Amino acid sequence: ELEAGCLRYNLNDAAKELMRQLSHRMAMRIMNDLESKGSTVRNPSAYCSTAARKARQREERIRNGTAEEGMPSTAEEQVMDIVNHYAALEVEDTADETGIKKAYRKLVLKW
């Protein structure tokens, strides 16, 4: 399943190796996040490499007991902190450019 995702997104060898070093669950979580982002990710290899490095660093911090206060402590919470920009702007995922601009302007006025 992981290999199929690597092939689908044409990940380079370095990204594949970093993904293989993670637990299957964490690697699949990253692949699912990549899939949900769709065409907004310009370089899937870089995205997966960065996500895999961050996940591995979190695992090491927790294993060493150096997790900072306020940092995620459970495996579910360790998954990447991904912001859904559409939800932040309170627009549908299928919103067009003008709708996104209107929502952004509206949000800016709130601040």
PDB file of N, CA and C in Angstrom:
ATOM      1  N   GLU A   1       0.822  -1.185   0.000  1.00  0.00           N
ATOM      2  CA  GLU A   1       0.000   0.000   0.000  1.00  0.00           C
ATOM      3  C   GLU A   1       0.871   1.256   0.000  1.00  0.00           C
ATOM      4  N   LEU A   2       1.924   1.242   0.813  1.00  0.00           N
ATOM      5  CA  LEU A   2       2.845   2.372   0.858  1.00  0.00           C
ATOM      6  C   LEU A   2       3.599   2.481  -0.462  1.00  0.00           C
ATOM      7  N   GLU A   3       4.029   1.350  -0.984  1.00  0.00           N
ATOM      8  CA  GLU A   3       4.752   1.346  -2.258  1.00  0.00           C
ATOM      9  C   GLU A   3       3.870   1.890  -3.385  1.00  0.00           C
ATOM     10  N   ALA A   4       2.602   1.540  -3.354  1.00  0.00           N
ATOM     11  CA  ALA A   4       1.675   2.034  -4.381  1.00  0.00           C
ATOM     12  C   ALA A   4       1.566   3.554  -4.305  1.00  0.00           C
ATOM     13  N   GLY A   5       1.509   4.091  -3.110  1.00  0.00           N
ATOM     14  CA  GLY A   5       1.455   5.544  -2.940  1.00  0.00           C
ATOM     15  C   GLY A   5       2.729   6.213  -3.421  1.00  0.00           C
ATOM     16  N   CYS A   6       3.868   5.580  -3.140  1.00  0.00           N
ATOM     17  CA  CYS A   6       5.148   6.124  -3.597  1.00  0.00           C
ATOM     18  C   CYS A   6       5.200   6.167  -5.119  1.00  0.00           C
ATOM     19  N   LEU A   7       4.704   5.120  -5.741  1.00  0.00           N
ATOM     20  CA  LEU A   7       4.678   5.091  -7.203  1.00  0.00           C
ATOM     21  C   LEU A   7       3.691   6.099  -7.766  1.00  0.00           C
ATOM     22  N   ARG A   8       2.530   6.208  -7.142  1.00  0.00           N
ATOM     23  CA  ARG A   8       1.491   7.118  -7.627  1.00  0.00           C
ATOM     24  C   ARG A   8       1.987   8.564  -7.641  1.00  0.00           C
ATOM     25  N   TYR A   9       2.729   8.950  -6.606  1.00  0.00           N
ATOM     26  CA  TYR A   9       3.221  10.321  -6.519  1.00  0.00           C
ATOM     27  C   TYR A   9       4.648  10.464  -7.034  1.00  0.00           C
ATOM     28  N   ASN A  10       5.202   9.387  -7.552  1.00  0.00           N
ATOM     29  CA  ASN A  10       6.533   9.396  -8.157  1.00  0.00           C
ATOM     30  C   ASN A  10       7.579   9.971  -7.190  1.00  0.00           C
ATOM     31  N   LEU A  11       7.585   9.447  -5.968  1.00  0.00           N
ATOM     32  CA  LEU A  11       8.523   9.923  -4.959  1.00  0.00           C
ATOM     33  C   LEU A  11       9.941   9.501  -5.316  1.00  0.00           C
ATOM     34  N   ASN A  12      10.900  10.360  -5.008  1.00  0.00           N
ATOM     35  CA  ASN A  12      12.291  10.008  -5.282  1.00  0.00           C
ATOM     36  C   ASN A  12      12.783   9.002  -4.240  1.00  0.00           C
ATOM     37  N   ASP A  13      13.975   8.457  -4.471  1.00  0.00           N
ATOM     38  CA  ASP A  13      14.502   7.391  -3.607  1.00  0.00           C
ATOM     39  C   ASP A  13      14.698   7.854  -2.163  1.00  0.00           C
ATOM     40  N   ALA A  14      15.142   9.099  -1.983  1.00  0.00           N
ATOM     41  CA  ALA A  14      15.366   9.601  -0.627  1.00  0.00           C
ATOM     42  C   ALA A  14      14.054   9.670   0.145  1.00  0.00           C
ATOM     43  N   ALA A  15      13.003  10.147  -0.496  1.00  0.00           N
ATOM     44  CA  ALA A  15      11.696  10.240   0.162  1.00  0.00           C
ATOM     45  C   ALA A  15      11.163   8.844   0.482  1.00  0.00           C
ATOM     46  N   LYS A  16      11.329   7.908  -0.453  1.00  0.00           N
ATOM     47  CA  LYS A  16      10.872   6.536  -0.207  1.00  0.00           C
ATOM     48  C   LYS A  16      11.582   5.937   1.007  1.00  0.00           C
ATOM     49  N   GLU A  17      12.885   6.163   1.087  1.00  0.00           N
ATOM     50  CA  GLU A  17      13.654   5.596   2.198  1.00  0.00           C
ATOM     51  C   GLU A  17      13.218   6.193   3.533  1.00  0.00           C
ATOM     52  N   LEU A  18      13.003   7.494   3.573  1.00  0.00           N
ATOM     53  CA  LEU A  18      12.527   8.134   4.809  1.00  0.00           C
ATOM     54  C   LEU A  18      11.159   7.608   5.213  1.00  0.00           C
ATOM     55  N   MET A  19      10.288   7.386   4.243  1.00  0.00           N
ATOM     56  CA  MET A  19       8.948   6.861   4.535  1.00  0.00           C
ATOM     57  C   MET A  19       9.035   5.435   5.077  1.00  0.00           C
ATOM     58  N   ARG A  20       9.949   4.645   4.534  1.00  0.00           N
ATOM     59  CA  ARG A  20      10.103   3.249   4.983  1.00  0.00           C
ATOM     60  C   ARG A  20      10.617   3.161   6.409  1.00  0.00           C
ATOM     61  N   GLN A  21      11.340   4.176   6.853  1.00  0.00           N
ATOM     62  CA  GLN A  21      11.893   4.171   8.205  1.00  0.00           C
ATOM     63  C   GLN A  21      10.828   4.428   9.269  1.00  0.00           C
ATOM     64  N   LEU A  22       9.694   4.967   8.855  1.00  0.00           N
ATOM     65  CA  LEU A  22       8.608   5.243   9.789  1.00  0.00           C
ATOM     66  C   LEU A  22       7.762   4.000  10.014  1.00  0.00           C
ATOM     67  N   SER A  23       6.939   4.052  11.038  1.00  0.00           N
ATOM     68  CA  SER A  23       5.967   2.985  11.229  1.00  0.00           C
ATOM     69  C   SER A  23       4.986   3.039  10.060  1.00  0.00           C
ATOM     70  N   HIS A  24       4.401   1.902   9.748  1.00  0.00           N
ATOM     71  CA  HIS A  24       3.472   1.849   8.607  1.00  0.00           C
ATOM     72  C   HIS A  24       2.320   2.826   8.801  1.00  0.00           C
ATOM     73  N   ARG A  25       1.824   2.892  10.003  1.00  0.00           N
ATOM     74  CA  ARG A  25       0.688   3.768  10.298  1.00  0.00           C
ATOM     75  C   ARG A  25       1.036   5.239  10.047  1.00  0.00           C
ATOM     76  N   MET A  26       2.227   5.653  10.513  1.00  0.00           N
ATOM     77  CA  MET A  26       2.643   7.048  10.340  1.00  0.00           C
ATOM     78  C   MET A  26       2.896   7.353   8.861  1.00  0.00           C
ATOM     79  N   ALA A  27       3.515   6.432   8.157  1.00  0.00           N
ATOM     80  CA  ALA A  27       3.785   6.637   6.732  1.00  0.00           C
ATOM     81  C   ALA A  27       2.485   6.748   5.943  1.00  0.00           C
ATOM     82  N   MET A  28       1.522   5.911   6.270  1.00  0.00           N
ATOM     83  CA  MET A  28       0.240   5.968   5.569  1.00  0.00           C
ATOM     84  C   MET A  28      -0.507   7.253   5.920  1.00  0.00           C
ATOM     85  N   ARG A  29      -0.338   7.735   7.121  1.00  0.00           N
ATOM     86  CA  ARG A  29      -0.974   8.989   7.520  1.00  0.00           C
ATOM     87  C   ARG A  29      -0.429  10.139   6.673  1.00  0.00           C
ATOM     88  N   ILE A  30       0.881  10.136   6.457  1.00  0.00           N
ATOM     89  CA  ILE A  30       1.497  11.167   5.623  1.00  0.00           C
ATOM     90  C   ILE A  30       1.000  11.053   4.187  1.00  0.00           C
ATOM     91  N   MET A  31       0.899   9.815   3.680  1.00  0.00           N
ATOM     92  CA  MET A  31       0.407   9.616   2.313  1.00  0.00           C
ATOM     93  C   MET A  31      -1.048  10.078   2.192  1.00  0.00           C
ATOM     94  N   ASN A  32      -1.861   9.822   3.197  1.00  0.00           N
ATOM     95  CA  ASN A  32      -3.255  10.274   3.180  1.00  0.00           C
ATOM     96  C   ASN A  32      -3.338  11.798   3.222  1.00  0.00           C
ATOM     97  N   ASP A  33      -2.465  12.418   4.019  1.00  0.00           N
ATOM     98  CA  ASP A  33      -2.433  13.879   4.058  1.00  0.00           C
ATOM     99  C   ASP A  33      -2.022  14.445   2.704  1.00  0.00           C
ATOM    100  N   LEU A  34      -1.060  13.802   2.065  1.00  0.00           N
ATOM    101  CA  LEU A  34      -0.627  14.233   0.742  1.00  0.00           C
ATOM    102  C   LEU A  34      -1.769  14.117  -0.258  1.00  0.00           C
ATOM    103  N   GLU A  35      -2.483  13.005  -0.180  1.00  0.00           N
ATOM    104  CA  GLU A  35      -3.617  12.797  -1.082  1.00  0.00           C
ATOM    105  C   GLU A  35      -4.715  13.831  -0.853  1.00  0.00           C
ATOM    106  N   SER A  36      -4.958  14.185   0.397  1.00  0.00           N
ATOM    107  CA  SER A  36      -6.012  15.162   0.688  1.00  0.00           C
ATOM    108  C   SER A  36      -5.634  16.557   0.194  1.00  0.00           C
ATOM    109  N   LYS A  37      -4.347  16.845   0.143  1.00  0.00           N
ATOM    110  CA  LYS A  37      -3.904  18.140  -0.360  1.00  0.00           C
ATOM    111  C   LYS A  37      -4.009  18.219  -1.877  1.00  0.00           C
ATOM    112  N   GLY A  38      -3.985  17.070  -2.530  1.00  0.00           N
ATOM    113  CA  GLY A  38      -4.166  17.033  -3.982  1.00  0.00           C
ATOM    114  C   GLY A  38      -3.093  17.798  -4.730  1.00  0.00           C
ATOM    115  N   SER A  39      -3.528  18.591  -5.683  1.00  0.00           N
ATOM    116  CA  SER A  39      -2.595  19.285  -6.570  1.00  0.00           C
ATOM    117  C   SER A  39      -1.961  20.520  -5.934  1.00  0.00           C
ATOM    118  N   THR A  40      -2.307  20.826  -4.686  1.00  0.00           N
ATOM    119  CA  THR A  40      -1.709  21.999  -4.041  1.00  0.00           C
ATOM    120  C   THR A  40      -0.259  21.755  -3.641  1.00  0.00           C
ATOM    121  N   VAL A  41       0.153  20.490  -3.579  1.00  0.00           N
ATOM    122  CA  VAL A  41       1.536  20.157  -3.256  1.00  0.00           C
ATOM    123  C   VAL A  41       2.311  20.076  -4.562  1.00  0.00           C
ATOM    124  N   ARG A  42       3.251  20.983  -4.728  1.00  0.00           N
ATOM    125  CA  ARG A  42       4.003  21.028  -5.990  1.00  0.00           C
ATOM    126  C   ARG A  42       5.086  19.970  -6.060  1.00  0.00           C
ATOM    127  N   ASN A  43       5.675  19.621  -4.915  1.00  0.00           N
ATOM    128  CA  ASN A  43       6.754  18.640  -4.897  1.00  0.00           C
ATOM    129  C   ASN A  43       6.437  17.579  -3.846  1.00  0.00           C
ATOM    130  N   PRO A  44       5.766  16.505  -4.243  1.00  0.00           N
ATOM    131  CA  PRO A  44       5.385  15.467  -3.274  1.00  0.00           C
ATOM    132  C   PRO A  44       6.581  14.838  -2.558  1.00  0.00           C
ATOM    133  N   SER A  45       7.708  14.700  -3.243  1.00  0.00           N
ATOM    134  CA  SER A  45       8.890  14.107  -2.608  1.00  0.00           C
ATOM    135  C   SER A  45       9.369  14.978  -1.454  1.00  0.00           C
ATOM    136  N   ALA A  46       9.433  16.275  -1.671  1.00  0.00           N
ATOM    137  CA  ALA A  46       9.871  17.186  -0.615  1.00  0.00           C
ATOM    138  C   ALA A  46       8.872  17.194   0.535  1.00  0.00           C
ATOM    139  N   TYR A  47       7.588  17.173   0.211  1.00  0.00           N
ATOM    140  CA  TYR A  47       6.543  17.161   1.240  1.00  0.00           C
ATOM    141  C   TYR A  47       6.694  15.917   2.122  1.00  0.00           C
ATOM    142  N   CYS A  48       6.820  14.753   1.490  1.00  0.00           N
ATOM    143  CA  CYS A  48       6.936  13.497   2.249  1.00  0.00           C
ATOM    144  C   CYS A  48       8.234  13.442   3.043  1.00  0.00           C
ATOM    145  N   SER A  49       9.323  13.930   2.451  1.00  0.00           N
ATOM    146  CA  SER A  49      10.605  13.925   3.157  1.00  0.00           C
ATOM    147  C   SER A  49      10.534  14.783   4.412  1.00  0.00           C
ATOM    148  N   THR A  50       9.995  15.974   4.280  1.00  0.00           N
ATOM    149  CA  THR A  50       9.885  16.877   5.421  1.00  0.00           C
ATOM    150  C   THR A  50       8.963  16.295   6.493  1.00  0.00           C
ATOM    151  N   ALA A  51       7.823  15.778   6.063  1.00  0.00           N
ATOM    152  CA  ALA A  51       6.877  15.201   7.011  1.00  0.00           C
ATOM    153  C   ALA A  51       7.492  13.998   7.731  1.00  0.00           C
ATOM    154  N   ALA A  52       8.222  13.164   7.003  1.00  0.00           N
ATOM    155  CA  ALA A  52       8.850  11.982   7.602  1.00  0.00           C
ATOM    156  C   ALA A  52       9.922  12.386   8.604  1.00  0.00           C
ATOM    157  N   ARG A  53      10.723  13.392   8.265  1.00  0.00           N
ATOM    158  CA  ARG A  53      11.757  13.859   9.197  1.00  0.00           C
ATOM    159  C   ARG A  53      11.134  14.404  10.481  1.00  0.00           C
ATOM    160  N   LYS A  54      10.088  15.207  10.330  1.00  0.00           N
ATOM    161  CA  LYS A  54       9.428  15.775  11.513  1.00  0.00           C
ATOM    162  C   LYS A  54       8.812  14.683  12.379  1.00  0.00           C
ATOM    163  N   ALA A  55       8.195  13.700  11.752  1.00  0.00           N
ATOM    164  CA  ALA A  55       7.578  12.601  12.500  1.00  0.00           C
ATOM    165  C   ALA A  55       8.649  11.804  13.247  1.00  0.00           C
ATOM    166  N   ARG A  56       9.768  11.559  12.581  1.00  0.00           N
ATOM    167  CA  ARG A  56      10.846  10.805  13.221  1.00  0.00           C
ATOM    168  C   ARG A  56      11.443  11.593  14.387  1.00  0.00           C
ATOM    169  N   GLN A  57      11.586  12.917  14.227  1.00  0.00           N
ATOM    170  CA  GLN A  57      12.108  13.744  15.315  1.00  0.00           C
ATOM    171  C   GLN A  57      11.163  13.730  16.513  1.00  0.00           C
ATOM    172  N   ARG A  58       9.861  13.772  16.250  1.00  0.00           N
ATOM    173  CA  ARG A  58       8.882  13.712  17.353  1.00  0.00           C
ATOM    174  C   ARG A  58       8.994  12.384  18.087  1.00  0.00           C
ATOM    175  N   GLU A  59       9.095  11.297  17.322  1.00  0.00           N
ATOM    176  CA  GLU A  59       9.217   9.971  17.944  1.00  0.00           C
ATOM    177  C   GLU A  59      10.467   9.899  18.805  1.00  0.00           C
ATOM    178  N   GLU A  60      11.586  10.443  18.316  1.00  0.00           N
ATOM    179  CA  GLU A  60      12.833  10.407  19.079  1.00  0.00           C
ATOM    180  C   GLU A  60      12.734  11.251  20.348  1.00  0.00           C
ATOM    181  N   ARG A  61      12.103  12.431  20.248  1.00  0.00           N
ATOM    182  CA  ARG A  61      11.946  13.264  21.440  1.00  0.00           C
ATOM    183  C   ARG A  61      11.124  12.550  22.502  1.00  0.00           C
ATOM    184  N   ILE A  62      10.078  11.892  22.079  1.00  0.00           N
ATOM    185  CA  ILE A  62       9.215  11.188  23.026  1.00  0.00           C
ATOM    186  C   ILE A  62       9.951   9.988  23.614  1.00  0.00           C
ATOM    187  N   ARG A  63      10.666   9.264  22.764  1.00  0.00           N
ATOM    188  CA  ARG A  63      11.418   8.102  23.233  1.00  0.00           C
ATOM    189  C   ARG A  63      12.482   8.513  24.249  1.00  0.00           C
ATOM    190  N   ASN A  64      13.113   9.664  24.025  1.00  0.00           N
ATOM    191  CA  ASN A  64      14.168  10.137  24.928  1.00  0.00           C
ATOM    192  C   ASN A  64      13.619  10.878  26.134  1.00  0.00           C
ATOM    193  N   GLY A  65      12.319  11.087  26.158  1.00  0.00           N
ATOM    194  CA  GLY A  65      11.708  11.786  27.276  1.00  0.00           C
ATOM    195  C   GLY A  65      11.975  13.274  27.262  1.00  0.00           C
ATOM    196  N   THR A  66      12.304  13.810  26.090  1.00  0.00           N
ATOM    197  CA  THR A  66      12.594  15.241  26.002  1.00  0.00           C
ATOM    198  C   THR A  66      11.456  15.999  25.349  1.00  0.00           C
ATOM    199  N   ALA A  67      10.280  15.396  25.331  1.00  0.00           N
ATOM    200  CA  ALA A  67       9.126  16.091  24.748  1.00  0.00           C
ATOM    201  C   ALA A  67       8.852  17.341  25.553  1.00  0.00           C
ATOM    202  N   GLU A  68       8.714  18.436  24.864  1.00  0.00           N
ATOM    203  CA  GLU A  68       8.480  19.711  25.527  1.00  0.00           C
ATOM    204  C   GLU A  68       7.038  19.797  26.007  1.00  0.00           C
ATOM    205  N   GLU A  69       6.819  20.618  26.993  1.00  0.00           N
ATOM    206  CA  GLU A  69       5.472  20.821  27.488  1.00  0.00           C
ATOM    207  C   GLU A  69       4.644  21.463  26.385  1.00  0.00           C
ATOM    208  N   GLY A  70       3.437  20.975  26.205  1.00  0.00           N
ATOM    209  CA  GLY A  70       2.588  21.490  25.141  1.00  0.00           C
ATOM    210  C   GLY A  70       2.757  20.736  23.835  1.00  0.00           C
ATOM    211  N   MET A  71       3.750  19.852  23.778  1.00  0.00           N
ATOM    212  CA  MET A  71       3.966  19.056  22.571  1.00  0.00           C
ATOM    213  C   MET A  71       3.027  17.854  22.616  1.00  0.00           C
ATOM    214  N   PRO A  72       2.640  17.311  21.469  1.00  0.00           N
ATOM    215  CA  PRO A  72       1.763  16.147  21.449  1.00  0.00           C
ATOM    216  C   PRO A  72       2.411  14.967  22.157  1.00  0.00           C
ATOM    217  N   SER A  73       1.604  14.204  22.872  1.00  0.00           N
ATOM    218  CA  SER A  73       2.173  13.095  23.630  1.00  0.00           C
ATOM    219  C   SER A  73       1.708  11.735  23.132  1.00  0.00           C
ATOM    220  N   THR A  74       0.551  11.645  22.520  1.00  0.00           N
ATOM    221  CA  THR A  74       0.092  10.350  22.040  1.00  0.00           C
ATOM    222  C   THR A  74       0.438  10.194  20.572  1.00  0.00           C
ATOM    223  N   ALA A  75       0.437   8.960  20.100  1.00  0.00           N
ATOM    224  CA  ALA A  75       0.785   8.679  18.709  1.00  0.00           C
ATOM    225  C   ALA A  75      -0.141   9.406  17.750  1.00  0.00           C
ATOM    226  N   GLU A  76      -1.425   9.471  18.064  1.00  0.00           N
ATOM    227  CA  GLU A  76      -2.380  10.165  17.194  1.00  0.00           C
ATOM    228  C   GLU A  76      -2.046  11.652  17.105  1.00  0.00           C
ATOM    229  N   GLU A  77      -1.644  12.246  18.222  1.00  0.00           N
ATOM    230  CA  GLU A  77      -1.355  13.668  18.241  1.00  0.00           C
ATOM    231  C   GLU A  77      -0.018  13.995  17.599  1.00  0.00           C
ATOM    232  N   GLN A  78       0.827  12.983  17.420  1.00  0.00           N
ATOM    233  CA  GLN A  78       2.145  13.207  16.849  1.00  0.00           C
ATOM    234  C   GLN A  78       2.103  13.443  15.350  1.00  0.00           C
ATOM    235  N   VAL A  79       0.995  13.102  14.740  1.00  0.00           N
ATOM    236  CA  VAL A  79       0.878  13.268  13.307  1.00  0.00           C
ATOM    237  C   VAL A  79       1.026  14.747  12.983  1.00  0.00           C
ATOM    238  N   MET A  80       1.495  15.014  11.812  1.00  0.00           N
ATOM    239  CA  MET A  80       1.803  16.377  11.392  1.00  0.00           C
ATOM    240  C   MET A  80       0.695  17.366  11.747  1.00  0.00           C
ATOM    241  N   ASP A  81       1.116  18.547  12.121  1.00  0.00           N
ATOM    242  CA  ASP A  81       0.180  19.619  12.419  1.00  0.00           C
ATOM    243  C   ASP A  81      -0.151  20.313  11.100  1.00  0.00           C
ATOM    244  N   ILE A  82      -1.202  19.862  10.466  1.00  0.00           N
ATOM    245  CA  ILE A  82      -1.569  20.381   9.156  1.00  0.00           C
ATOM    246  C   ILE A  82      -2.755  21.303   9.305  1.00  0.00           C
ATOM    247  N   VAL A  83      -2.655  22.457   8.689  1.00  0.00           N
ATOM    248  CA  VAL A  83      -3.725  23.436   8.731  1.00  0.00           C
ATOM    249  C   VAL A  83      -4.578  23.265   7.485  1.00  0.00           C
ATOM    250  N   ASN A  84      -5.876  23.194   7.685  1.00  0.00           N
ATOM    251  CA  ASN A  84      -6.800  23.173   6.556  1.00  0.00           C
ATOM    252  C   ASN A  84      -7.165  24.624   6.268  1.00  0.00           C
ATOM    253  N   HIS A  85      -6.547  25.180   5.246  1.00  0.00           N
ATOM    254  CA  HIS A  85      -6.732  26.596   4.941  1.00  0.00           C
ATOM    255  C   HIS A  85      -8.161  26.912   4.524  1.00  0.00           C
ATOM    256  N   TYR A  86      -8.808  25.972   3.879  1.00  0.00           N
ATOM    257  CA  TYR A  86     -10.199  26.196   3.489  1.00  0.00           C
ATOM    258  C   TYR A  86     -11.087  26.348   4.732  1.00  0.00           C
ATOM    259  N   ALA A  87     -10.845  25.506   5.727  1.00  0.00           N
ATOM    260  CA  ALA A  87     -11.627  25.599   6.957  1.00  0.00           C
ATOM    261  C   ALA A  87     -11.309  26.894   7.706  1.00  0.00           C
ATOM    262  N   ALA A  88     -10.049  27.299   7.681  1.00  0.00           N
ATOM    263  CA  ALA A  88      -9.670  28.541   8.351  1.00  0.00           C
ATOM    264  C   ALA A  88     -10.362  29.739   7.715  1.00  0.00           C
ATOM    265  N   LEU A  89     -10.536  29.681   6.399  1.00  0.00           N
ATOM    266  CA  LEU A  89     -11.228  30.768   5.694  1.00  0.00           C
ATOM    267  C   LEU A  89     -12.737  30.577   5.682  1.00  0.00           C
ATOM    268  N   GLU A  90     -13.197  29.445   6.195  1.00  0.00           N
ATOM    269  CA  GLU A  90     -14.615  29.107   6.243  1.00  0.00           C
ATOM    270  C   GLU A  90     -15.249  29.081   4.853  1.00  0.00           C
ATOM    271  N   VAL A  91     -14.543  28.424   3.906  1.00  0.00           N
ATOM    272  CA  VAL A  91     -15.064  28.237   2.547  1.00  0.00           C
ATOM    273  C   VAL A  91     -15.031  26.753   2.215  1.00  0.00           C
ATOM    274  N   GLU A  92     -15.769  26.361   1.212  1.00  0.00           N
ATOM    275  CA  GLU A  92     -15.778  24.972   0.751  1.00  0.00           C
ATOM    276  C   GLU A  92     -14.452  24.645   0.061  1.00  0.00           C
ATOM    277  N   ASP A  93     -14.114  23.370   0.007  1.00  0.00           N
ATOM    278  CA  ASP A  93     -12.895  22.940  -0.677  1.00  0.00           C
ATOM    279  C   ASP A  93     -12.951  23.239  -2.170  1.00  0.00           C
ATOM    280  N   THR A  94     -14.144  23.389  -2.690  1.00  0.00           N
ATOM    281  CA  THR A  94     -14.313  23.616  -4.122  1.00  0.00           C
ATOM    282  C   THR A  94     -14.468  25.099  -4.454  1.00  0.00           C
ATOM    283  N   ALA A  95     -14.190  25.991  -3.498  1.00  0.00           N
ATOM    284  CA  ALA A  95     -14.367  27.433  -3.700  1.00  0.00           C
ATOM    285  C   ALA A  95     -13.448  27.934  -4.808  1.00  0.00           C
ATOM    286  N   ASP A  96     -13.964  28.888  -5.580  1.00  0.00           N
ATOM    287  CA  ASP A  96     -13.153  29.463  -6.643  1.00  0.00           C
ATOM    288  C   ASP A  96     -12.295  30.601  -6.084  1.00  0.00           C
ATOM    289  N   GLU A  97     -11.460  31.163  -6.936  1.00  0.00           N
ATOM    290  CA  GLU A  97     -10.498  32.169  -6.505  1.00  0.00           C
ATOM    291  C   GLU A  97     -11.179  33.407  -5.911  1.00  0.00           C
ATOM    292  N   THR A  98     -12.259  33.844  -6.524  1.00  0.00           N
ATOM    293  CA  THR A  98     -12.936  35.042  -6.009  1.00  0.00           C
ATOM    294  C   THR A  98     -13.564  34.790  -4.646  1.00  0.00           C
ATOM    295  N   GLY A  99     -14.111  33.596  -4.447  1.00  0.00           N
ATOM    296  CA  GLY A  99     -14.680  33.243  -3.146  1.00  0.00           C
ATOM    297  C   GLY A  99     -13.618  33.196  -2.068  1.00  0.00           C
ATOM    298  N   ILE A 100     -12.455  32.684  -2.410  1.00  0.00           N
ATOM    299  CA  ILE A 100     -11.347  32.603  -1.449  1.00  0.00           C
ATOM    300  C   ILE A 100     -10.866  34.012  -1.105  1.00  0.00           C
ATOM    301  N   LYS A 101     -10.757  34.868  -2.122  1.00  0.00           N
ATOM    302  CA  LYS A 101     -10.324  36.250  -1.863  1.00  0.00           C
ATOM    303  C   LYS A 101     -11.309  36.988  -0.957  1.00  0.00           C
ATOM    304  N   LYS A 102     -12.603  36.793  -1.200  1.00  0.00           N
ATOM    305  CA  LYS A 102     -13.622  37.442  -0.366  1.00  0.00           C
ATOM    306  C   LYS A 102     -13.510  36.958   1.082  1.00  0.00           C
ATOM    307  N   ALA A 103     -13.356  35.651   1.241  1.00  0.00           N
ATOM    308  CA  ALA A 103     -13.254  35.085   2.588  1.00  0.00           C
ATOM    309  C   ALA A 103     -12.001  35.587   3.297  1.00  0.00           C
ATOM    310  N   TYR A 104     -10.908  35.716   2.549  1.00  0.00           N
ATOM    311  CA  TYR A 104      -9.663  36.220   3.136  1.00  0.00           C
ATOM    312  C   TYR A 104      -9.848  37.663   3.615  1.00  0.00           C
ATOM    313  N   ARG A 105     -10.417  38.479   2.759  1.00  0.00           N
ATOM    314  CA  ARG A 105     -10.651  39.893   3.133  1.00  0.00           C
ATOM    315  C   ARG A 105     -11.546  39.995   4.359  1.00  0.00           C
ATOM    316  N   LYS A 106     -12.560  39.146   4.408  1.00  0.00           N
ATOM    317  CA  LYS A 106     -13.484  39.138   5.549  1.00  0.00           C
ATOM    318  C   LYS A 106     -12.736  38.748   6.832  1.00  0.00           C
ATOM    319  N   LEU A 107     -11.857  37.761   6.725  1.00  0.00           N
ATOM    320  CA  LEU A 107     -11.079  37.309   7.873  1.00  0.00           C
ATOM    321  C   LEU A 107     -10.111  38.391   8.331  1.00  0.00           C
ATOM    322  N   VAL A 108      -9.497  39.091   7.381  1.00  0.00           N
ATOM    323  CA  VAL A 108      -8.548  40.143   7.721  1.00  0.00           C
ATOM    324  C   VAL A 108      -9.254  41.255   8.501  1.00  0.00           C
ATOM    325  N   LEU A 109     -10.481  41.563   8.112  1.00  0.00           N
ATOM    326  CA  LEU A 109     -11.219  42.618   8.805  1.00  0.00           C
ATOM    327  C   LEU A 109     -11.541  42.251  10.251  1.00  0.00           C
ATOM    328  N   LYS A 110     -11.642  40.953  10.525  1.00  0.00           N
ATOM    329  CA  LYS A 110     -11.895  40.515  11.898  1.00  0.00           C
ATOM    330  C   LYS A 110     -10.713  40.824  12.798  1.00  0.00           C
ATOM    331  N   TRP A 111      -9.511  40.795  12.275  1.00  0.00           N
ATOM    332  CA  TRP A 111      -8.308  41.005  13.070  1.00  0.00           C
ATOM    333  C   TRP A 111      -8.034  42.472  13.186  1.00  0.00           C
TER     334      TRP A 111
END
